[in-house]
Amino acid sequence: LQTNASGSRGPQNSLSYGIGTTANKATGVSSNYSFNGNANYNAAAGQFGSTLSIGNQSRQLSFSANGSLVGHPGGVTAGPALGDLPFAIVNAPGAGGARLMNGYGAKINSQGYAIVPSLTPYRKNAVSVDSKGLPDTVDILENEQVVIPRMGAAIPVTMKTIAGKPVLLIVRNPDKHYLPIGSRIVDGNGRELG
């Protein structure tokens, strides 16, 4: 008898897991049973996993971790595992904490950098930032760029951002009436300010 279940959770299915049991019983032979479980997590700095197997014959526990460290003009950035395929070094100043779409769990670090692995060589690849994770003080002016990399290339991708605290002004004239949209703003000398 064998039973298995698996699933995934989180943004971009960053956590995957599975469990399973096996039981064998034959006449005149001792019965065998086992329980198996695994979990894998795609984090900003790599992939982490664990596996557990318990049976009447053995017990096993394993852990795994893999990722990358990429040096570039802005410093060193930890990211998901890289292979022979091209990858992007994304720079989005001030956007620390924002996730990258299809970035295998990649997040922009506090210095504004992230690694997007496994781009398809010689084809259009969209590299995009998920604006849901942006701090309130940052707006992304471009959240997607298309690149066509060569095999094995490291492609720099800069996303234009603007940082600052948002301000809402409610402006009234001396009679306490709201000013209409598009009103001219002038200083005390009558010079137009905007």
C-alpha atoms as a PDB file:
ATOM      1  CA  LEU A   1       0.000   0.000   0.000  1.00  0.00           C
ATOM      2  CA  GLN A   2       1.395   3.395  -0.934  1.00  0.00           C
ATOM      3  CA  THR A   3      -0.010   6.893  -0.323  1.00  0.00           C
ATOM      4  CA  ASN A   4       1.503  10.237  -1.389  1.00  0.00           C
ATOM      5  CA  ALA A   5       0.479  13.879  -1.200  1.00  0.00           C
ATOM      6  CA  SER A   6       2.216  17.042  -2.329  1.00  0.00           C
ATOM      7  CA  GLY A   7       1.555  20.740  -2.678  1.00  0.00           C
ATOM      8  CA  SER A   8       2.951  24.232  -2.786  1.00  0.00           C
ATOM      9  CA  ARG A   9       2.258  27.560  -1.119  1.00  0.00           C
ATOM     10  CA  GLY A  10       3.386  31.152  -1.000  1.00  0.00           C
ATOM     11  CA  PRO A  11       4.117  33.826  -3.541  1.00  0.00           C
ATOM     12  CA  GLN A  12       5.128  32.202  -6.820  1.00  0.00           C
ATOM     13  CA  ASN A  13       4.821  28.784  -5.066  1.00  0.00           C
ATOM     14  CA  SER A  14       8.054  29.405  -3.192  1.00  0.00           C
ATOM     15  CA  LEU A  15       7.390  26.553  -0.709  1.00  0.00           C
ATOM     16  CA  SER A  16       6.813  23.028  -2.006  1.00  0.00           C
ATOM     17  CA  TYR A  17       6.292  19.942   0.144  1.00  0.00           C
ATOM     18  CA  GLY A  18       5.348  16.305  -0.004  1.00  0.00           C
ATOM     19  CA  ILE A  19       4.621  13.373   2.287  1.00  0.00           C
ATOM     20  CA  GLY A  20       4.211   9.698   1.627  1.00  0.00           C
ATOM     21  CA  THR A  21       3.790   6.342   3.338  1.00  0.00           C
ATOM     22  CA  THR A  22       4.446   2.803   2.194  1.00  0.00           C
ATOM     23  CA  ALA A  23       3.413  -0.434   3.889  1.00  0.00           C
ATOM     24  CA  ASN A  24       4.175  -3.981   2.706  1.00  0.00           C
ATOM     25  CA  LYS A  25       2.964  -7.140   4.374  1.00  0.00           C
ATOM     26  CA  ALA A  26       3.408 -10.592   2.963  1.00  0.00           C
ATOM     27  CA  THR A  27       2.548 -13.962   4.516  1.00  0.00           C
ATOM     28  CA  GLY A  28       5.487 -15.411   6.400  1.00  0.00           C
ATOM     29  CA  VAL A  29       7.641 -12.304   5.895  1.00  0.00           C
ATOM     30  CA  SER A  30       8.065  -9.395   8.296  1.00  0.00           C
ATOM     31  CA  SER A  31       6.161  -6.297   7.308  1.00  0.00           C
ATOM     32  CA  ASN A  32       7.931  -3.186   6.047  1.00  0.00           C
ATOM     33  CA  TYR A  33       6.742   0.343   6.473  1.00  0.00           C
ATOM     34  CA  SER A  34       8.159   3.769   5.733  1.00  0.00           C
ATOM     35  CA  PHE A  35       7.216   7.409   6.064  1.00  0.00           C
ATOM     36  CA  ASN A  36       8.772  10.035   3.764  1.00  0.00           C
ATOM     37  CA  GLY A  37       8.556  13.812   3.833  1.00  0.00           C
ATOM     38  CA  ASN A  38      10.251  16.654   2.011  1.00  0.00           C
ATOM     39  CA  ALA A  39      10.128  20.426   1.866  1.00  0.00           C
ATOM     40  CA  ASN A  40      11.848  22.901  -0.448  1.00  0.00           C
ATOM     41  CA  TYR A  41      11.913  26.677  -0.230  1.00  0.00           C
ATOM     42  CA  ASN A  42      12.992  29.136  -2.931  1.00  0.00           C
ATOM     43  CA  ALA A  43      14.391  32.104  -0.988  1.00  0.00           C
ATOM     44  CA  ALA A  44      15.963  35.316  -2.213  1.00  0.00           C
ATOM     45  CA  ALA A  45      19.450  33.972  -1.459  1.00  0.00           C
ATOM     46  CA  GLY A  46      18.991  30.455  -2.890  1.00  0.00           C
ATOM     47  CA  GLN A  47      17.064  27.229  -2.540  1.00  0.00           C
ATOM     48  CA  PHE A  48      16.877  25.257   0.699  1.00  0.00           C
ATOM     49  CA  GLY A  49      15.475  21.787   1.209  1.00  0.00           C
ATOM     50  CA  SER A  50      15.133  18.890   3.601  1.00  0.00           C
ATOM     51  CA  THR A  51      14.108  15.247   3.327  1.00  0.00           C
ATOM     52  CA  LEU A  52      13.108  12.820   6.061  1.00  0.00           C
ATOM     53  CA  SER A  53      12.621   9.079   5.686  1.00  0.00           C
ATOM     54  CA  ILE A  54      11.692   6.775   8.564  1.00  0.00           C
ATOM     55  CA  GLY A  55      11.071   3.062   8.274  1.00  0.00           C
ATOM     56  CA  ASN A  56      11.455  -0.118  10.278  1.00  0.00           C
ATOM     57  CA  GLN A  57      14.693  -0.753   8.365  1.00  0.00           C
ATOM     58  CA  SER A  58      16.299   2.697   8.396  1.00  0.00           C
ATOM     59  CA  ARG A  59      16.118   6.377   9.256  1.00  0.00           C
ATOM     60  CA  GLN A  60      17.470   9.190   7.129  1.00  0.00           C
ATOM     61  CA  LEU A  61      17.497  12.985   7.351  1.00  0.00           C
ATOM     62  CA  SER A  62      19.117  15.277   4.818  1.00  0.00           C
ATOM     63  CA  PHE A  63      19.389  18.996   4.192  1.00  0.00           C
ATOM     64  CA  SER A  64      20.388  20.835   1.048  1.00  0.00           C
ATOM     65  CA  ALA A  65      21.188  24.392   0.066  1.00  0.00           C
ATOM     66  CA  ASN A  66      22.298  25.925  -3.185  1.00  0.00           C
ATOM     67  CA  GLY A  67      22.562  29.412  -4.546  1.00  0.00           C
ATOM     68  CA  SER A  68      24.988  31.881  -6.042  1.00  0.00           C
ATOM     69  CA  LEU A  69      27.149  34.883  -5.205  1.00  0.00           C
ATOM     70  CA  VAL A  70      27.529  37.304  -8.107  1.00  0.00           C
ATOM     71  CA  GLY A  71      30.081  40.119  -8.144  1.00  0.00           C
ATOM     72  CA  HIS A  72      29.157  43.235 -10.147  1.00  0.00           C
ATOM     73  CA  PRO A  73      30.002  46.978 -10.107  1.00  0.00           C
ATOM     74  CA  GLY A  74      27.446  47.560  -7.311  1.00  0.00           C
ATOM     75  CA  GLY A  75      28.911  44.897  -5.002  1.00  0.00           C
ATOM     76  CA  VAL A  76      28.188  41.213  -4.388  1.00  0.00           C
ATOM     77  CA  THR A  77      24.648  39.818  -4.510  1.00  0.00           C
ATOM     78  CA  ALA A  78      23.379  36.450  -3.262  1.00  0.00           C
ATOM     79  CA  GLY A  79      20.783  34.787  -5.442  1.00  0.00           C
ATOM     80  CA  PRO A  80      19.283  31.548  -6.738  1.00  0.00           C
ATOM     81  CA  ALA A  81      21.501  28.848  -8.236  1.00  0.00           C
ATOM     82  CA  LEU A  82      23.001  29.618 -11.637  1.00  0.00           C
ATOM     83  CA  GLY A  83      24.002  27.223 -14.373  1.00  0.00           C
ATOM     84  CA  ASP A  84      25.159  27.720 -17.942  1.00  0.00           C
ATOM     85  CA  LEU A  85      22.059  29.704 -18.872  1.00  0.00           C
ATOM     86  CA  PRO A  86      22.147  33.515 -18.979  1.00  0.00           C
ATOM     87  CA  PHE A  87      21.000  35.496 -15.939  1.00  0.00           C
ATOM     88  CA  ALA A  88      20.068  39.086 -15.133  1.00  0.00           C
ATOM     89  CA  ILE A  89      21.616  41.363 -12.500  1.00  0.00           C
ATOM     90  CA  VAL A  90      18.680  43.638 -11.673  1.00  0.00           C
ATOM     91  CA  ASN A  91      19.263  47.077 -10.149  1.00  0.00           C
ATOM     92  CA  ALA A  92      16.222  48.902  -8.747  1.00  0.00           C
ATOM     93  CA  PRO A  93      17.546  51.616  -6.396  1.00  0.00           C
ATOM     94  CA  GLY A  94      15.528  51.917  -3.193  1.00  0.00           C
ATOM     95  CA  ALA A  95      13.229  48.978  -4.019  1.00  0.00           C
ATOM     96  CA  GLY A  96      14.634  46.610  -1.379  1.00  0.00           C
ATOM     97  CA  GLY A  97      12.186  43.829  -0.477  1.00  0.00           C
ATOM     98  CA  ALA A  98      10.317  43.763  -3.797  1.00  0.00           C
ATOM     99  CA  ARG A  99      10.019  40.359  -5.475  1.00  0.00           C
ATOM    100  CA  LEU A 100      10.924  39.619  -9.052  1.00  0.00           C
ATOM    101  CA  MET A 101       8.413  37.868 -11.261  1.00  0.00           C
ATOM    102  CA  ASN A 102       9.670  34.424 -12.370  1.00  0.00           C
ATOM    103  CA  GLY A 103      12.789  35.029 -10.299  1.00  0.00           C
ATOM    104  CA  TYR A 104      12.762  31.674  -8.467  1.00  0.00           C
ATOM    105  CA  GLY A 105      12.174  33.421  -5.145  1.00  0.00           C
ATOM    106  CA  ALA A 106      14.537  36.324  -5.923  1.00  0.00           C
ATOM    107  CA  LYS A 107      14.008  39.564  -3.995  1.00  0.00           C
ATOM    108  CA  ILE A 108      15.715  42.916  -4.368  1.00  0.00           C
ATOM    109  CA  ASN A 109      18.189  43.321  -1.509  1.00  0.00           C
ATOM    110  CA  SER A 110      18.751  46.417   0.625  1.00  0.00           C
ATOM    111  CA  GLN A 111      21.379  47.706  -1.842  1.00  0.00           C
ATOM    112  CA  GLY A 112      18.806  47.550  -4.684  1.00  0.00           C
ATOM    113  CA  TYR A 113      20.119  44.418  -6.465  1.00  0.00           C
ATOM    114  CA  ALA A 114      18.757  40.955  -7.281  1.00  0.00           C
ATOM    115  CA  ILE A 115      19.671  38.008  -9.492  1.00  0.00           C
ATOM    116  CA  VAL A 116      17.178  36.483 -11.960  1.00  0.00           C
ATOM    117  CA  PRO A 117      18.474  33.064 -13.110  1.00  0.00           C
ATOM    118  CA  SER A 118      17.695  30.836 -16.079  1.00  0.00           C
ATOM    119  CA  LEU A 119      16.916  33.276 -18.859  1.00  0.00           C
ATOM    120  CA  THR A 120      16.345  31.713 -22.273  1.00  0.00           C
ATOM    121  CA  PRO A 121      19.262  32.464 -24.606  1.00  0.00           C
ATOM    122  CA  TYR A 122      18.619  34.172 -27.959  1.00  0.00           C
ATOM    123  CA  ARG A 123      14.951  34.791 -27.085  1.00  0.00           C
ATOM    124  CA  LYS A 124      13.017  37.690 -25.581  1.00  0.00           C
ATOM    125  CA  ASN A 125      12.920  37.441 -21.785  1.00  0.00           C
ATOM    126  CA  ALA A 126      10.764  39.751 -19.662  1.00  0.00           C
ATOM    127  CA  VAL A 127      12.468  40.760 -16.414  1.00  0.00           C
ATOM    128  CA  SER A 128       9.925  42.389 -14.115  1.00  0.00           C
ATOM    129  CA  VAL A 129       9.524  43.621 -10.549  1.00  0.00           C
ATOM    130  CA  ASP A 130       6.360  42.887  -8.571  1.00  0.00           C
ATOM    131  CA  SER A 131       5.301  46.278  -7.238  1.00  0.00           C
ATOM    132  CA  LYS A 132       3.353  44.672  -4.347  1.00  0.00           C
ATOM    133  CA  GLY A 133       6.521  44.363  -2.271  1.00  0.00           C
ATOM    134  CA  LEU A 134       7.752  47.924  -2.746  1.00  0.00           C
ATOM    135  CA  PRO A 135       8.239  50.226   0.229  1.00  0.00           C
ATOM    136  CA  ASP A 136       5.754  53.140   0.455  1.00  0.00           C
ATOM    137  CA  THR A 137       8.577  55.588  -0.245  1.00  0.00           C
ATOM    138  CA  VAL A 138       9.493  54.142  -3.672  1.00  0.00           C
ATOM    139  CA  ASP A 139       7.722  54.140  -7.020  1.00  0.00           C
ATOM    140  CA  ILE A 140       8.911  52.095  -9.969  1.00  0.00           C
ATOM    141  CA  LEU A 141       8.778  54.062 -13.200  1.00  0.00           C
ATOM    142  CA  GLU A 142       9.594  50.958 -15.286  1.00  0.00           C
ATOM    143  CA  ASN A 143       8.764  47.611 -13.743  1.00  0.00           C
ATOM    144  CA  GLU A 144       9.599  45.478 -16.777  1.00  0.00           C
ATOM    145  CA  GLN A 145      12.354  45.267 -19.349  1.00  0.00           C
ATOM    146  CA  VAL A 146      12.845  42.804 -22.189  1.00  0.00           C
ATOM    147  CA  VAL A 147      16.317  41.392 -22.808  1.00  0.00           C
ATOM    148  CA  ILE A 148      17.699  38.988 -25.416  1.00  0.00           C
ATOM    149  CA  PRO A 149      20.811  37.414 -23.866  1.00  0.00           C
ATOM    150  CA  ARG A 150      23.521  35.225 -25.345  1.00  0.00           C
ATOM    151  CA  MET A 151      24.263  31.811 -23.857  1.00  0.00           C
ATOM    152  CA  GLY A 152      26.038  32.145 -20.493  1.00  0.00           C
ATOM    153  CA  ALA A 153      25.701  35.956 -20.369  1.00  0.00           C
ATOM    154  CA  ALA A 154      25.244  38.113 -17.267  1.00  0.00           C
ATOM    155  CA  ILE A 155      22.832  40.879 -18.308  1.00  0.00           C
ATOM    156  CA  PRO A 156      22.611  44.122 -16.298  1.00  0.00           C
ATOM    157  CA  VAL A 157      19.020  45.379 -16.048  1.00  0.00           C
ATOM    158  CA  THR A 158      18.281  48.743 -14.412  1.00  0.00           C
ATOM    159  CA  MET A 159      14.732  49.571 -13.385  1.00  0.00           C
ATOM    160  CA  LYS A 160      14.019  53.302 -13.058  1.00  0.00           C
ATOM    161  CA  THR A 161      12.746  54.199  -9.602  1.00  0.00           C
ATOM    162  CA  ILE A 162      11.919  57.364  -7.740  1.00  0.00           C
ATOM    163  CA  ALA A 163      12.260  57.587  -3.972  1.00  0.00           C
ATOM    164  CA  GLY A 164      10.632  60.064  -1.645  1.00  0.00           C
ATOM    165  CA  LYS A 165       7.811  60.483   0.782  1.00  0.00           C
ATOM    166  CA  PRO A 166       4.388  60.881  -0.816  1.00  0.00           C
ATOM    167  CA  VAL A 167       2.626  64.129   0.008  1.00  0.00           C
ATOM    168  CA  LEU A 168      -1.025  65.013  -0.402  1.00  0.00           C
ATOM    169  CA  LEU A 169      -1.789  68.709  -0.447  1.00  0.00           C
ATOM    170  CA  ILE A 170      -5.246  70.118   0.115  1.00  0.00           C
ATOM    171  CA  VAL A 171      -5.014  73.709  -1.073  1.00  0.00           C
ATOM    172  CA  ARG A 172      -7.626  76.433  -0.517  1.00  0.00           C
ATOM    173  CA  ASN A 173      -7.757  80.074  -1.489  1.00  0.00           C
ATOM    174  CA  PRO A 174      -8.109  82.906   1.084  1.00  0.00           C
ATOM    175  CA  ASP A 175     -11.925  82.453   0.942  1.00  0.00           C
ATOM    176  CA  LYS A 176     -11.497  78.806   2.096  1.00  0.00           C
ATOM    177  CA  HIS A 177     -12.638  77.401  -1.274  1.00  0.00           C
ATOM    178  CA  TYR A 178     -10.774  74.524  -2.910  1.00  0.00           C
ATOM    179  CA  LEU A 179      -8.646  75.487  -5.883  1.00  0.00           C
ATOM    180  CA  PRO A 180      -9.643  73.963  -9.218  1.00  0.00           C
ATOM    181  CA  ILE A 181      -7.374  71.404 -10.860  1.00  0.00           C
ATOM    182  CA  GLY A 182      -4.762  73.090 -13.064  1.00  0.00           C
ATOM    183  CA  SER A 183      -4.630  76.319 -11.061  1.00  0.00           C
ATOM    184  CA  ARG A 184      -1.489  78.425 -11.352  1.00  0.00           C
ATOM    185  CA  ILE A 185       0.644  78.669  -8.232  1.00  0.00           C
ATOM    186  CA  VAL A 186       2.521  81.953  -7.736  1.00  0.00           C
ATOM    187  CA  ASP A 187       4.799  83.297  -5.024  1.00  0.00           C
ATOM    188  CA  GLY A 188       4.417  86.630  -3.186  1.00  0.00           C
ATOM    189  CA  ASN A 189       6.042  88.465  -6.120  1.00  0.00           C
ATOM    190  CA  GLY A 190       3.656  87.002  -8.680  1.00  0.00           C
ATOM    191  CA  ARG A 191       6.209  84.583 -10.181  1.00  0.00           C
ATOM    192  CA  GLU A 192       4.674  81.309 -11.336  1.00  0.00           C
ATOM    193  CA  LEU A 193       5.890  78.288  -9.361  1.00  0.00           C
ATOM    194  CA  GLY A 194       3.909  75.522 -11.060  1.00  0.00           C
END
